[in-house]
Amino acid sequence: MDKMHPGLWQYTANNSPNPLPRTPFVCTDKELFPLEFELMATEPVTLEVLLQKLSQATVDESTLEEFFTARSAPSMAERKPMLLLGELANPFQLSRLRLGIVPVINVRLGNLCRTYADSLDSRMINPGVHHVTLARTAGWWESTHMAFVTTGQMKSMVEWLNGGKRGHWRPVRPREGIVKVENSTVLCPPPEAVTWDGVTETCIAAEPDCSGPQFDISDVIVPIHVRHGCYDNRGKIVRCAHVGQREFHANYFRRGSSKQWQDILDIV
């Protein structure tokens, strides 16, 4: 991607669950900057190592740490990783929150999938947008975005999901699943690769190799809907990778059908 104004980013309800763009970037209130970041490794890394490597990535002809300093923004050491799963993964929507500087990289999730919460947010479009959360699926993989945010930025994101009021979205840390730095575009498994025994869904497709290192997913923040968990499609999960917003609302959504969050994700 090129440096651009966030308002020029193409936005529709159809593409909102997808992690866009496909390469790392830095989001500010007024501009999007391409971020030159690649971390090649086969051994796991600590969060501290990941933060240090990312701080030396190139943005606007300087390191990311220098970019922060020149704009009086919090340093990388003051930031935490947070998964961006739905609307927040879209640069247009992210910039509208006026959070300040937010660096974003691509990651690959393992044994976890993005899926829709059993709720509807009508602030942006009629009848509304379905926000996205996480649920387990053994053997599954897909890519999404990960932001590095301050505590204040994280709270603002969750407050926005809650509609500016105390609500049902809460930041948590997963106890299960895998997260790796993703250096390239990776396709998720096809729908026919997910089997169901009447109780549990399992992905049986072979996962392609990942050139980026794994790090501890319990260090990662993810917002979950503590009242409704995720949408229950007659015992199955509707994966955002296979079903877009419009198709989900028109062909799947029935208000009041949900899996409880305790049944779809273990947290710290």
Protein backbone atom coordinates (compact mmCIF):
# COMPACT_ATOMS: atom_id res chain seq x y z
CA MET A 1 0.00 0.00 0.00
CA ASP A 2 1.02 3.65 -0.43
CA LYS A 3 0.79 6.50 2.06
CA MET A 4 -2.80 7.76 1.91
CA HIS A 5 -5.67 9.44 3.75
CA PRO A 6 -7.83 6.90 5.66
CA GLY A 7 -10.98 8.37 4.08
CA LEU A 8 -9.81 7.10 0.69
CA TRP A 9 -9.78 3.50 1.89
CA GLN A 10 -12.59 1.53 0.27
CA TYR A 11 -15.12 0.58 2.94
CA THR A 12 -18.30 -1.44 2.69
CA ALA A 13 -20.18 -3.72 5.05
CA ASN A 14 -19.24 -6.59 2.75
CA ASN A 15 -15.50 -6.25 3.39
CA SER A 16 -15.63 -5.23 7.06
CA PRO A 17 -14.75 -8.62 8.62
CA ASN A 18 -11.67 -9.02 6.44
CA PRO A 19 -8.23 -7.93 7.65
CA LEU A 20 -7.36 -5.09 5.28
CA PRO A 21 -4.87 -4.20 3.88
CA ARG A 22 -2.75 -7.31 3.39
CA THR A 23 0.53 -5.70 4.50
CA PRO A 24 1.62 -4.01 7.76
CA PHE A 25 0.77 -0.33 8.21
CA VAL A 26 0.70 2.52 10.72
CA CYS A 27 -2.64 4.21 11.28
CA THR A 28 -2.85 7.81 12.48
CA ASP A 29 -5.83 10.14 12.78
CA LYS A 30 -5.12 11.67 9.36
CA GLU A 31 -2.87 9.32 7.38
CA LEU A 32 -2.02 5.68 6.72
CA PHE A 33 1.68 4.81 6.34
CA PRO A 34 3.08 1.57 4.92
CA LEU A 35 5.18 -0.28 7.51
CA GLU A 36 8.16 -2.30 6.27
CA PHE A 37 8.26 -5.18 8.73
CA GLU A 38 9.24 -8.80 8.29
CA LEU A 39 10.38 -11.23 10.98
CA MET A 40 11.74 -14.52 9.69
CA ALA A 41 12.29 -17.18 12.36
CA THR A 42 11.41 -20.80 13.07
CA GLU A 43 11.85 -20.68 16.84
CA PRO A 44 9.32 -18.95 19.14
CA VAL A 45 10.12 -15.44 20.36
CA THR A 46 9.14 -13.56 23.49
CA LEU A 47 6.90 -10.52 23.41
CA GLU A 48 9.87 -8.38 24.40
CA VAL A 49 11.84 -9.55 21.35
CA LEU A 50 8.85 -8.95 19.06
CA LEU A 51 8.40 -5.40 20.39
CA GLN A 52 12.11 -4.66 19.94
CA LYS A 53 12.16 -5.99 16.35
CA LEU A 54 9.01 -4.06 15.47
CA SER A 55 10.41 -0.85 16.93
CA GLN A 56 13.16 -1.01 14.28
CA ALA A 57 10.76 -1.49 11.35
CA THR A 58 10.80 1.24 8.70
CA VAL A 59 7.98 3.79 8.33
CA ASP A 60 8.19 7.09 6.44
CA GLU A 61 11.99 6.78 6.05
CA SER A 62 12.62 6.32 9.78
CA THR A 63 12.39 3.56 12.35
CA LEU A 64 9.04 3.07 14.03
CA GLU A 65 10.54 4.15 17.37
CA GLU A 66 11.84 7.37 15.77
CA PHE A 67 8.40 7.87 14.20
CA PHE A 68 6.85 7.71 17.69
CA THR A 69 9.42 10.08 19.18
CA ALA A 70 9.03 12.70 16.44
CA ARG A 71 5.28 12.80 17.12
CA SER A 72 5.48 12.59 20.93
CA ALA A 73 3.66 9.25 20.86
CA PRO A 74 4.08 6.43 23.43
CA SER A 75 7.02 4.14 22.71
CA MET A 76 6.77 0.50 21.69
CA ALA A 77 7.68 -0.52 25.24
CA GLU A 78 4.45 1.12 26.44
CA ARG A 79 2.26 -0.89 24.05
CA LYS A 80 0.48 -4.25 24.14
CA PRO A 81 -0.59 -6.54 21.27
CA MET A 82 -4.32 -6.58 20.52
CA LEU A 83 -6.09 -8.61 17.83
CA LEU A 84 -8.19 -6.62 15.36
CA LEU A 85 -10.87 -9.03 14.18
CA GLY A 86 -13.69 -7.15 12.45
CA GLU A 87 -14.49 -3.48 11.98
CA LEU A 88 -11.34 -2.47 13.84
CA ALA A 89 -9.23 -4.30 11.23
CA ASN A 90 -10.38 -1.81 8.60
CA PRO A 91 -8.12 1.31 8.39
CA PHE A 92 -11.10 3.55 7.57
CA GLN A 93 -12.91 2.58 10.76
CA LEU A 94 -9.77 2.48 12.89
CA SER A 95 -8.77 6.03 11.97
CA ARG A 96 -12.26 7.35 12.77
CA LEU A 97 -11.71 6.52 16.44
CA ARG A 98 -8.97 9.18 16.67
CA LEU A 99 -6.71 6.97 18.76
CA GLY A 100 -3.43 8.50 17.69
CA ILE A 101 -0.67 6.35 16.24
CA VAL A 102 -1.40 2.60 15.97
CA PRO A 103 1.06 0.21 14.25
CA VAL A 104 -0.54 -2.91 12.77
CA ILE A 105 1.05 -6.15 11.53
CA ASN A 106 -0.29 -9.38 10.04
CA VAL A 107 -0.48 -12.51 12.17
CA ARG A 108 -1.67 -16.07 11.67
CA LEU A 109 -4.09 -17.64 14.12
CA GLY A 110 -4.04 -21.39 14.76
CA ASN A 111 -6.85 -23.49 16.27
CA LEU A 112 -8.90 -20.28 16.51
CA CYS A 113 -11.23 -18.63 14.00
CA ARG A 114 -12.92 -15.27 13.55
CA THR A 115 -16.69 -15.53 13.93
CA TYR A 116 -19.70 -13.27 14.47
CA ALA A 117 -21.11 -12.27 17.84
CA ASP A 118 -24.86 -12.72 18.26
CA SER A 119 -25.45 -8.97 18.28
CA LEU A 120 -26.15 -6.11 15.87
CA ASP A 121 -24.66 -2.59 15.86
CA SER A 122 -26.86 -0.16 13.92
CA ARG A 123 -24.75 2.99 14.43
CA MET A 124 -22.99 2.80 11.04
CA ILE A 125 -25.37 1.08 8.64
CA ASN A 126 -28.95 -0.19 8.53
CA PRO A 127 -29.88 -2.81 9.72
CA GLY A 128 -26.45 -3.01 11.34
CA VAL A 129 -22.99 -4.54 11.52
CA HIS A 130 -22.17 -7.79 13.27
CA HIS A 131 -18.97 -7.43 15.26
CA VAL A 132 -16.42 -10.22 15.29
CA THR A 133 -14.98 -12.36 18.08
CA LEU A 134 -12.87 -15.54 18.46
CA ALA A 135 -13.86 -19.19 18.83
CA ARG A 136 -11.85 -22.41 18.88
CA THR A 137 -11.67 -24.78 15.92
CA ALA A 138 -9.04 -27.52 16.12
CA GLY A 139 -6.74 -27.57 13.09
CA TRP A 140 -7.97 -24.24 11.70
CA TRP A 141 -5.73 -21.34 10.60
CA GLU A 142 -6.27 -17.89 9.11
CA SER A 143 -4.61 -14.47 9.06
CA THR A 144 -5.77 -11.28 10.71
CA HIS A 145 -4.37 -8.00 12.02
CA MET A 146 -2.66 -7.30 15.31
CA ALA A 147 -2.31 -3.76 16.63
CA PHE A 148 0.16 -2.56 19.26
CA VAL A 149 -1.75 -0.21 21.52
CA THR A 150 -1.51 1.63 24.81
CA THR A 151 -3.90 0.83 27.63
CA GLY A 152 -5.88 3.98 26.80
CA GLN A 153 -6.18 3.05 23.12
CA MET A 154 -7.33 -0.46 24.03
CA LYS A 155 -9.98 0.91 26.38
CA SER A 156 -11.21 3.31 23.67
CA MET A 157 -11.59 0.43 21.19
CA VAL A 158 -13.59 -1.67 23.64
CA GLU A 159 -15.69 1.36 24.60
CA TRP A 160 -16.48 1.89 20.91
CA LEU A 161 -17.59 -1.74 20.55
CA ASN A 162 -19.86 -1.16 23.54
CA GLY A 163 -21.42 1.90 21.93
CA GLY A 164 -19.82 4.34 24.36
CA LYS A 165 -21.52 2.77 27.37
CA ARG A 166 -20.75 0.00 29.84
CA GLY A 167 -21.71 -3.01 27.81
CA HIS A 168 -20.97 -6.58 27.00
CA TRP A 169 -17.59 -6.40 25.22
CA ARG A 170 -14.59 -7.06 27.44
CA PRO A 171 -10.84 -7.33 26.75
CA VAL A 172 -9.40 -10.74 27.72
CA ARG A 173 -6.29 -12.85 27.10
CA PRO A 174 -6.76 -16.30 25.49
CA ARG A 175 -5.45 -19.41 27.21
CA GLU A 176 -5.65 -21.48 24.02
CA GLY A 177 -4.71 -21.23 20.37
CA ILE A 178 -1.58 -20.24 18.45
CA VAL A 179 -0.44 -16.88 17.09
CA LYS A 180 2.50 -16.34 14.71
CA VAL A 181 3.92 -13.41 12.77
CA GLU A 182 2.67 -13.76 9.17
CA ASN A 183 5.09 -12.50 6.51
CA SER A 184 2.99 -13.41 3.46
CA THR A 185 -0.59 -13.78 2.34
CA VAL A 186 -2.07 -17.11 3.42
CA LEU A 187 -5.40 -18.57 2.34
CA CYS A 188 -7.62 -20.16 4.95
CA PRO A 189 -8.91 -23.74 4.60
CA PRO A 190 -11.95 -24.23 2.31
CA PRO A 191 -15.39 -24.87 3.88
CA GLU A 192 -15.27 -28.57 2.98
CA ALA A 193 -12.12 -28.98 5.12
CA VAL A 194 -14.18 -28.50 8.30
CA THR A 195 -15.84 -31.67 9.58
CA TRP A 196 -18.55 -31.94 12.25
CA ASP A 197 -19.36 -34.99 14.38
CA GLY A 198 -22.57 -33.48 15.72
CA VAL A 199 -20.79 -31.85 18.66
CA THR A 200 -17.37 -30.57 17.59
CA GLU A 201 -16.02 -29.03 14.39
CA THR A 202 -12.49 -29.92 13.25
CA CYS A 203 -10.40 -28.69 10.33
CA ILE A 204 -8.65 -31.59 8.56
CA ALA A 205 -6.70 -29.59 5.93
CA ALA A 206 -2.89 -29.53 6.08
CA GLU A 207 -1.61 -26.14 7.23
CA PRO A 208 1.08 -24.51 5.07
CA ASP A 209 4.39 -23.57 6.71
CA CYS A 210 4.69 -20.17 8.32
CA SER A 211 7.96 -18.24 7.98
CA GLY A 212 7.28 -16.06 11.02
CA PRO A 213 7.85 -16.99 14.67
CA GLN A 214 5.24 -17.99 17.21
CA PHE A 215 4.80 -15.98 20.40
CA ASP A 216 2.71 -16.48 23.54
CA ILE A 217 -0.98 -15.93 22.79
CA SER A 218 -1.65 -15.27 26.48
CA ASP A 219 0.20 -11.96 25.97
CA VAL A 220 -2.41 -10.90 23.39
CA ILE A 221 -5.59 -8.92 24.12
CA VAL A 222 -8.80 -9.85 22.32
CA PRO A 223 -12.29 -8.36 22.82
CA ILE A 224 -15.05 -10.89 23.47
CA HIS A 225 -18.82 -10.57 23.91
CA VAL A 226 -19.42 -11.82 27.45
CA ARG A 227 -23.21 -11.92 27.15
CA HIS A 228 -23.73 -13.77 23.87
CA GLY A 229 -20.33 -15.23 22.95
CA CYS A 230 -20.73 -16.06 19.26
CA TYR A 231 -23.54 -16.90 16.89
CA ASP A 232 -24.76 -20.52 17.04
CA ASN A 233 -25.61 -21.87 13.59
CA ARG A 234 -27.43 -25.02 14.71
CA GLY A 235 -24.40 -26.17 16.65
CA LYS A 236 -21.83 -24.95 14.12
CA ILE A 237 -19.73 -21.79 13.87
CA VAL A 238 -20.07 -19.32 10.99
CA ARG A 239 -16.51 -18.35 10.04
CA CYS A 240 -15.90 -14.84 8.73
CA ALA A 241 -13.33 -16.26 6.31
CA HIS A 242 -16.15 -18.07 4.49
CA VAL A 243 -19.21 -15.86 5.06
CA GLY A 244 -19.27 -12.05 4.68
CA GLN A 245 -21.40 -9.57 6.61
CA ARG A 246 -24.21 -9.29 4.08
CA GLU A 247 -24.50 -13.03 3.50
CA PHE A 248 -24.40 -13.72 7.25
CA HIS A 249 -27.19 -11.27 8.02
CA ALA A 250 -29.39 -12.36 5.10
CA ASN A 251 -28.94 -16.14 5.26
CA TYR A 252 -27.83 -17.10 8.78
CA PHE A 253 -28.65 -14.57 11.48
CA ARG A 254 -31.56 -15.28 13.82
CA ARG A 255 -31.53 -13.01 16.87
CA GLY A 256 -31.18 -14.89 20.16
CA SER A 257 -29.16 -17.88 18.94
CA SER A 258 -25.76 -17.91 20.59
CA LYS A 259 -23.00 -20.02 22.07
CA GLN A 260 -21.84 -18.83 25.50
CA TRP A 261 -18.33 -17.40 25.49
CA GLN A 262 -17.19 -19.89 28.17
CA ASP A 263 -17.96 -22.69 25.68
CA ILE A 264 -15.99 -21.29 22.74
CA LEU A 265 -12.80 -19.83 24.25
CA ASP A 266 -10.65 -20.46 27.33
CA ILE A 267 -9.17 -17.28 28.79
CA VAL A 268 -6.46 -16.48 31.33
